Protein backbone atom coordinates (compact mmCIF):
# COMPACT_ATOMS: atom_id res chain seq x y z
CA MET A 1 0.00 0.00 0.00
CA SER A 2 1.09 3.57 -0.52
CA ALA A 3 2.29 5.89 2.24
CA PRO A 4 -1.14 7.32 3.23
CA TYR A 5 -2.15 3.84 4.41
CA VAL A 6 0.78 3.29 6.78
CA PHE A 7 -0.77 2.54 10.19
CA GLY A 8 1.97 0.66 12.07
CA ARG A 9 4.92 1.67 14.21
CA HIS A 10 7.48 2.06 11.39
CA GLU A 11 7.89 5.32 9.56
CA PRO A 12 7.19 5.20 5.81
CA ALA A 13 10.08 4.30 3.51
CA SER A 14 12.17 7.27 2.49
CA HIS A 15 13.26 5.52 -0.73
CA VAL A 16 12.13 2.60 -2.85
CA ILE A 17 14.58 0.91 -5.20
CA VAL A 18 13.52 -1.45 -7.99
CA HIS A 19 16.12 -4.23 -8.08
CA VAL A 20 16.26 -6.24 -11.31
CA SER A 21 18.89 -8.75 -12.36
CA ASP A 22 20.19 -10.95 -15.16
CA PRO A 23 18.16 -10.11 -18.28
CA HIS A 24 20.75 -11.84 -20.55
CA LEU A 25 19.56 -10.19 -23.78
CA LEU A 26 20.87 -11.32 -27.16
CA ASP A 27 21.53 -9.75 -30.55
CA GLY A 28 18.39 -9.49 -32.67
CA GLY A 29 16.12 -10.49 -29.81
CA GLY A 30 17.19 -14.13 -29.95
CA ARG A 31 16.10 -16.80 -27.47
CA LEU A 32 18.62 -17.66 -24.79
CA GLY A 33 19.83 -21.22 -25.29
CA GLY A 34 17.31 -21.46 -28.11
CA GLN A 35 14.42 -21.72 -25.63
CA TYR A 36 14.12 -18.77 -23.21
CA ASP A 37 12.31 -15.74 -24.66
CA VAL A 38 14.29 -13.28 -22.57
CA GLU A 39 12.92 -10.17 -24.26
CA ASN A 40 9.37 -11.28 -23.50
CA THR A 41 10.09 -11.95 -19.81
CA LEU A 42 11.89 -8.62 -19.56
CA ALA A 43 8.85 -6.89 -21.10
CA HIS A 44 6.56 -8.56 -18.55
CA THR A 45 8.93 -7.49 -15.78
CA LEU A 46 8.83 -3.89 -16.94
CA GLU A 47 5.03 -4.00 -17.08
CA ALA A 48 4.99 -5.19 -13.47
CA ILE A 49 7.42 -2.44 -12.45
CA ARG A 50 5.13 0.17 -13.97
CA ALA A 51 2.20 -1.24 -12.03
CA VAL A 52 3.77 -1.85 -8.63
CA HIS A 53 5.23 1.52 -7.65
CA VAL A 54 4.76 5.00 -9.09
CA ALA A 55 7.90 6.76 -7.86
CA PRO A 56 11.00 4.60 -7.34
CA ALA A 57 14.26 6.36 -6.52
CA ALA A 58 16.10 4.20 -9.06
CA ILE A 59 15.95 1.05 -11.13
CA VAL A 60 19.08 -1.01 -10.43
CA VAL A 61 19.99 -3.85 -12.81
CA THR A 62 22.68 -6.00 -11.23
CA GLY A 63 24.48 -7.48 -14.17
CA ASP A 64 24.47 -10.00 -16.98
CA LEU A 65 22.70 -7.35 -18.98
CA ALA A 66 23.64 -9.08 -22.23
CA ASP A 67 24.37 -12.79 -22.52
CA LEU A 68 27.23 -12.48 -25.01
CA GLY A 69 28.12 -8.81 -24.62
CA GLU A 70 26.79 -7.97 -28.09
CA PRO A 71 26.32 -4.27 -28.97
CA ASP A 72 22.79 -4.82 -30.30
CA ALA A 73 21.78 -6.58 -27.09
CA TYR A 74 22.76 -3.49 -25.08
CA ARG A 75 20.91 -1.22 -27.49
CA ARG A 76 17.79 -3.36 -27.19
CA LEU A 77 18.04 -3.41 -23.40
CA ARG A 78 18.41 0.36 -23.29
CA ALA A 79 15.44 0.85 -25.62
CA ALA A 80 13.29 -1.35 -23.37
CA VAL A 81 14.25 -0.06 -19.91
CA GLU A 82 15.04 3.63 -20.30
CA PRO A 83 11.52 4.70 -21.42
CA VAL A 84 10.08 3.03 -18.31
CA ALA A 85 12.59 4.80 -16.06
CA SER A 86 11.84 8.10 -17.81
CA ASP A 87 8.11 7.68 -17.26
CA LEU A 88 8.74 6.84 -13.59
CA GLY A 89 11.13 9.78 -13.21
CA CYS A 90 14.12 7.81 -11.98
CA PRO A 91 17.63 6.88 -13.14
CA VAL A 92 18.73 3.44 -14.29
CA VAL A 93 21.86 2.05 -12.67
CA TRP A 94 23.54 -0.50 -14.95
CA VAL A 95 25.87 -2.96 -13.19
CA ALA A 96 28.32 -5.16 -15.10
CA GLY A 97 28.15 -8.95 -14.80
CA ASN A 98 30.31 -11.84 -15.90
CA HIS A 99 28.43 -12.26 -19.19
CA ASP A 100 28.90 -8.59 -20.04
CA GLU A 101 31.72 -7.10 -22.10
CA ARG A 102 32.90 -3.81 -20.67
CA PRO A 103 33.72 -2.01 -23.96
CA ALA A 104 30.29 -2.68 -25.50
CA LEU A 105 28.48 -1.96 -22.23
CA ARG A 106 30.28 1.34 -21.80
CA GLU A 107 29.64 2.43 -25.38
CA HIS A 108 26.07 1.28 -25.96
CA LEU A 109 24.54 1.73 -22.51
CA LEU A 110 26.57 4.55 -20.98
CA ASP A 111 27.72 6.54 -24.03
CA LEU A 112 31.31 6.25 -22.80
CA THR A 113 34.55 5.31 -24.51
CA ALA A 114 34.71 1.59 -25.27
CA THR A 115 37.45 0.48 -22.88
CA GLU A 116 38.08 -2.34 -20.41
CA GLU A 117 37.87 0.09 -17.47
CA PRO A 118 35.55 -1.13 -14.70
CA VAL A 119 31.98 0.14 -14.85
CA THR A 120 31.47 1.93 -11.54
CA GLY A 121 29.52 4.92 -10.30
CA VAL A 122 27.97 6.80 -7.40
CA TRP A 123 24.41 8.14 -7.25
CA ASP A 124 22.98 10.51 -4.65
CA LEU A 125 19.31 9.52 -4.46
CA ASN A 126 18.04 12.33 -2.25
CA GLY A 127 20.44 11.46 0.53
CA LEU A 128 20.64 7.70 -0.08
CA ARG A 129 24.01 6.88 -1.64
CA LEU A 130 24.13 4.08 -4.20
CA ILE A 131 27.54 2.78 -5.27
CA ALA A 132 27.88 0.42 -8.23
CA LEU A 133 30.90 -1.89 -8.25
CA ASP A 134 32.19 -3.93 -11.18
CA THR A 135 32.91 -7.51 -10.14
CA SER A 136 33.33 -8.76 -13.71
CA VAL A 137 36.70 -10.15 -14.76
CA PRO A 138 37.40 -9.76 -18.50
CA GLY A 139 37.66 -13.20 -20.07
CA TRP A 140 36.34 -15.06 -17.02
CA HIS A 141 33.05 -15.87 -15.28
CA HIS A 142 34.16 -15.73 -11.64
CA GLY A 143 33.99 -12.41 -9.79
CA ASP A 144 36.64 -10.13 -8.34
CA ILE A 145 37.22 -6.52 -7.31
CA ASP A 146 40.60 -5.08 -8.21
CA ALA A 147 42.77 -3.08 -5.83
CA ALA A 148 41.97 0.22 -7.52
CA GLN A 149 38.23 -0.30 -7.02
CA LEU A 150 38.76 -1.26 -3.40
CA ASP A 151 40.80 1.88 -2.79
CA TRP A 152 38.13 3.97 -4.51
CA LEU A 153 35.37 2.38 -2.42
CA ARG A 154 37.32 2.96 0.79
CA GLU A 155 37.61 6.65 -0.06
CA MET A 156 33.90 6.91 -0.97
CA LEU A 157 32.86 5.44 2.38
CA GLN A 158 34.96 7.74 4.53
CA ALA A 159 32.07 10.19 4.86
CA PRO A 160 28.57 8.83 5.62
CA ALA A 161 25.51 9.74 3.57
CA PRO A 162 22.34 11.13 5.21
CA HIS A 163 20.35 7.92 4.58
CA GLY A 164 23.30 5.55 4.38
CA THR A 165 24.75 3.62 1.45
CA LEU A 166 23.70 0.69 -0.72
CA LEU A 167 26.25 -1.26 -2.75
CA ALA A 168 25.22 -2.83 -6.05
CA MET A 169 27.31 -5.60 -7.64
CA HIS A 170 26.79 -8.71 -9.72
CA HIS A 171 28.59 -11.46 -7.81
CA PRO A 172 27.15 -11.68 -4.27
CA PRO A 173 29.58 -11.97 -1.35
CA LEU A 174 27.62 -15.01 -0.15
CA PRO A 175 28.02 -18.77 -0.35
CA SER A 176 25.73 -20.79 -2.60
CA HIS A 177 24.36 -24.15 -1.50
CA LEU A 178 24.60 -25.43 -5.09
CA PRO A 179 27.61 -27.60 -5.98
CA LEU A 180 30.27 -26.00 -8.20
CA PHE A 181 28.77 -22.49 -7.91
CA ASP A 182 31.66 -21.62 -5.59
CA ILE A 183 33.97 -21.79 -8.61
CA LEU A 184 32.29 -18.65 -9.93
CA GLU A 185 32.03 -16.80 -6.61
CA LEU A 186 33.48 -13.40 -5.74
CA ARG A 187 37.20 -13.36 -4.94
CA HIS A 188 38.91 -11.10 -2.35
CA GLN A 189 35.88 -11.02 -0.09
CA ASP A 190 38.02 -10.52 3.02
CA GLU A 191 39.48 -7.32 1.59
CA LEU A 192 36.01 -6.04 0.70
CA ALA A 193 34.72 -6.91 4.17
CA ASP A 194 37.50 -4.90 5.81
CA ILE A 195 36.35 -1.85 3.84
CA VAL A 196 32.61 -2.29 4.39
CA ARG A 197 32.64 -3.21 8.07
CA GLY A 198 31.79 -0.29 10.36
CA THR A 199 30.75 2.10 7.56
CA ASP A 200 27.30 3.44 6.67
CA VAL A 201 26.69 0.62 4.17
CA ARG A 202 23.18 -0.65 4.98
CA GLY A 203 22.71 -3.23 2.26
CA ILE A 204 24.24 -4.99 -0.72
CA LEU A 205 22.24 -5.73 -3.89
CA ALA A 206 23.47 -8.53 -6.15
CA GLY A 207 22.45 -11.06 -8.81
CA HIS A 208 24.35 -13.86 -10.59
CA LEU A 209 22.67 -16.84 -8.89
CA HIS A 210 19.38 -16.84 -10.85
CA TYR A 211 17.47 -17.46 -7.62
CA SER A 212 16.57 -15.20 -4.71
CA SER A 213 18.86 -15.50 -1.70
CA HIS A 214 19.67 -13.52 1.44
CA GLY A 215 22.53 -13.42 3.93
CA THR A 216 24.94 -11.12 5.72
CA PHE A 217 28.43 -9.96 4.84
CA ALA A 218 30.64 -7.99 7.22
CA GLY A 219 27.50 -7.44 9.30
CA VAL A 220 25.59 -6.02 6.32
CA PRO A 221 22.46 -7.64 4.79
CA VAL A 222 22.92 -9.00 1.27
CA SER A 223 19.95 -9.51 -1.05
CA VAL A 224 20.24 -11.44 -4.31
CA ALA A 225 17.50 -10.81 -6.86
CA SER A 226 16.32 -13.64 -9.06
CA ALA A 227 16.73 -13.35 -12.83
CA THR A 228 14.30 -12.06 -15.44
CA CYS A 229 15.59 -14.49 -18.11
CA TYR A 230 15.31 -17.88 -16.39
CA THR A 231 15.66 -19.11 -12.82
CA MET A 232 17.25 -22.08 -11.09
CA ASN A 233 14.83 -24.83 -10.07
CA VAL A 234 16.08 -25.14 -6.50
CA ALA A 235 13.23 -27.53 -5.66
CA ARG A 236 15.30 -30.25 -7.33
CA PRO A 237 18.19 -31.95 -5.51
CA ALA A 238 21.18 -29.63 -5.30
CA THR A 239 23.24 -31.83 -7.62
CA GLU A 240 20.51 -31.68 -10.29
CA VAL A 241 19.52 -28.01 -10.21
CA ASN A 242 18.95 -26.59 -13.69
CA GLY A 243 17.28 -23.58 -15.26
CA MET A 244 13.53 -23.28 -15.74
CA ASP A 245 11.31 -20.83 -17.58
CA ALA A 246 9.37 -19.93 -14.43
CA ALA A 247 9.54 -17.93 -11.18
CA GLN A 248 11.07 -14.87 -12.82
CA ALA A 249 10.97 -11.97 -10.38
CA PHE A 250 12.40 -8.64 -9.30
CA GLN A 251 12.63 -7.02 -5.87
CA LEU A 252 11.32 -3.90 -4.21
CA VAL A 253 13.82 -2.45 -1.76
CA HIS A 254 12.11 -0.24 0.83
CA VAL A 255 14.55 1.93 2.76
CA HIS A 256 13.11 2.91 6.14
CA PRO A 257 14.92 4.97 8.78
CA ASP A 258 15.37 1.91 10.99
CA THR A 259 15.47 -0.99 8.53
CA ILE A 260 15.52 -2.05 4.88
CA THR A 261 13.17 -4.67 3.44
CA HIS A 262 13.53 -6.67 0.22
CA THR A 263 10.27 -7.91 -1.29
CA VAL A 264 10.33 -10.51 -4.07
CA VAL A 265 7.80 -9.56 -6.75
CA PRO A 266 6.90 -12.53 -8.98
CA VAL A 267 6.32 -11.74 -12.63
CA VAL A 268 3.23 -13.85 -13.24
CA ASP A 269 -0.16 -13.60 -14.89
CA ALA A 270 -2.44 -15.06 -12.25
CA PRO A 271 -5.94 -14.33 -10.91
CA THR A 272 -5.78 -12.02 -7.90
CA GLY A 273 -8.42 -11.35 -5.27
CA ASP A 274 -9.52 -7.79 -4.55
CA PHE A 275 -10.26 -7.81 -0.82
CA PHE A 276 -7.50 -5.28 -0.07
CA SER A 277 -8.80 -2.82 -2.63
CA ARG A 278 -8.21 0.93 -2.69
CA ASP A 279 -11.77 1.47 -1.48
CA TRP A 280 -11.12 -0.86 1.47
CA ALA A 281 -7.89 0.97 2.30
CA ASP A 282 -9.68 4.33 2.09
CA ARG A 283 -12.32 3.11 4.56
CA MET A 284 -9.61 1.89 6.93
CA ALA A 285 -7.82 5.22 6.70
CA ARG A 286 -10.94 7.04 7.93
CA LEU A 287 -11.11 4.92 11.10
CA THR A 288 -9.33 5.61 14.35
CA PRO A 289 -6.45 3.27 15.32
CA GLU A 290 -8.74 1.54 17.82
CA GLU A 291 -11.47 1.09 15.20
CA ARG A 292 -8.98 -0.31 12.70
CA LEU A 293 -7.74 -2.81 15.27
CA GLU A 294 -11.30 -3.89 16.01
CA VAL A 295 -12.22 -4.28 12.33
CA PHE A 296 -9.07 -5.93 11.06
CA SER A 297 -7.37 -7.65 14.00
CA ARG A 298 -10.15 -9.13 16.11
CA LYS A 299 -11.05 -12.72 15.25
CA PRO A 300 -14.75 -13.50 14.77
CA ALA A 301 -16.47 -15.28 17.66
CA ARG A 302 -16.65 -19.03 17.18
CA GLY A 303 -19.17 -21.32 18.80
CA ASN A 304 -18.11 -24.29 20.92
CA ALA A 305 -17.76 -27.53 19.02
């Protein structure tokens, strides 16, 4: 529900971030692996983003923007996402992943010189600082953060931001329960932890795993968004986990003064009840706190069996 319908003890969120990950677009709108219609699932994701929140502070896409790093894939991604961000009045933060190629990403998404320089940046979102790191390693699929980036991050975090800082990266600094995934994990995590620990970093946004996951790193919550292209069927035994064309999702990141929540938003076309309608919320808003508690919290009387 929107801010006028906040009735509990927590203050309304000061910022909402839309966290998307792993679109894996291809040249010419091709199907990923010959079977996953990644442009279609991205389009459905963007439709859901338009519907779910009217004023996000940013749309953050945490890597594997293109599956093969093709220039046309980046142009197609830009053409799909940027109009939505423009309509919502927010920036798009593009984060590099292991499937991306830095020169093409820089040129066709960021209008920068096509070099192998890491794709990093800092955004001031009305007092909430968002820092994008580049964990991609040219020529490889595992993750790492070079010494220059670590030094840069250390300098950025010396002064706190009014609402704190979020880090966005592709490879999460978390373990995966799936066999062999540790081969492709983020390297130099200890060095990153030494920089993050004790700063104003309040959360880390990541992707890479193709399933939603949560943990902590250096005392900071980490949230991994599922993919828009395909997801891992983690209901299967860990040694048999494979991709499926289902359960695509994105996340809503609500930044409150005292906490941050990460809500998984499934991208599905399913019948939905309308009990919690706008009219119902308006009626609740006109009641006193005591009346709302009576109407919504009290259980109906039940006769003895």
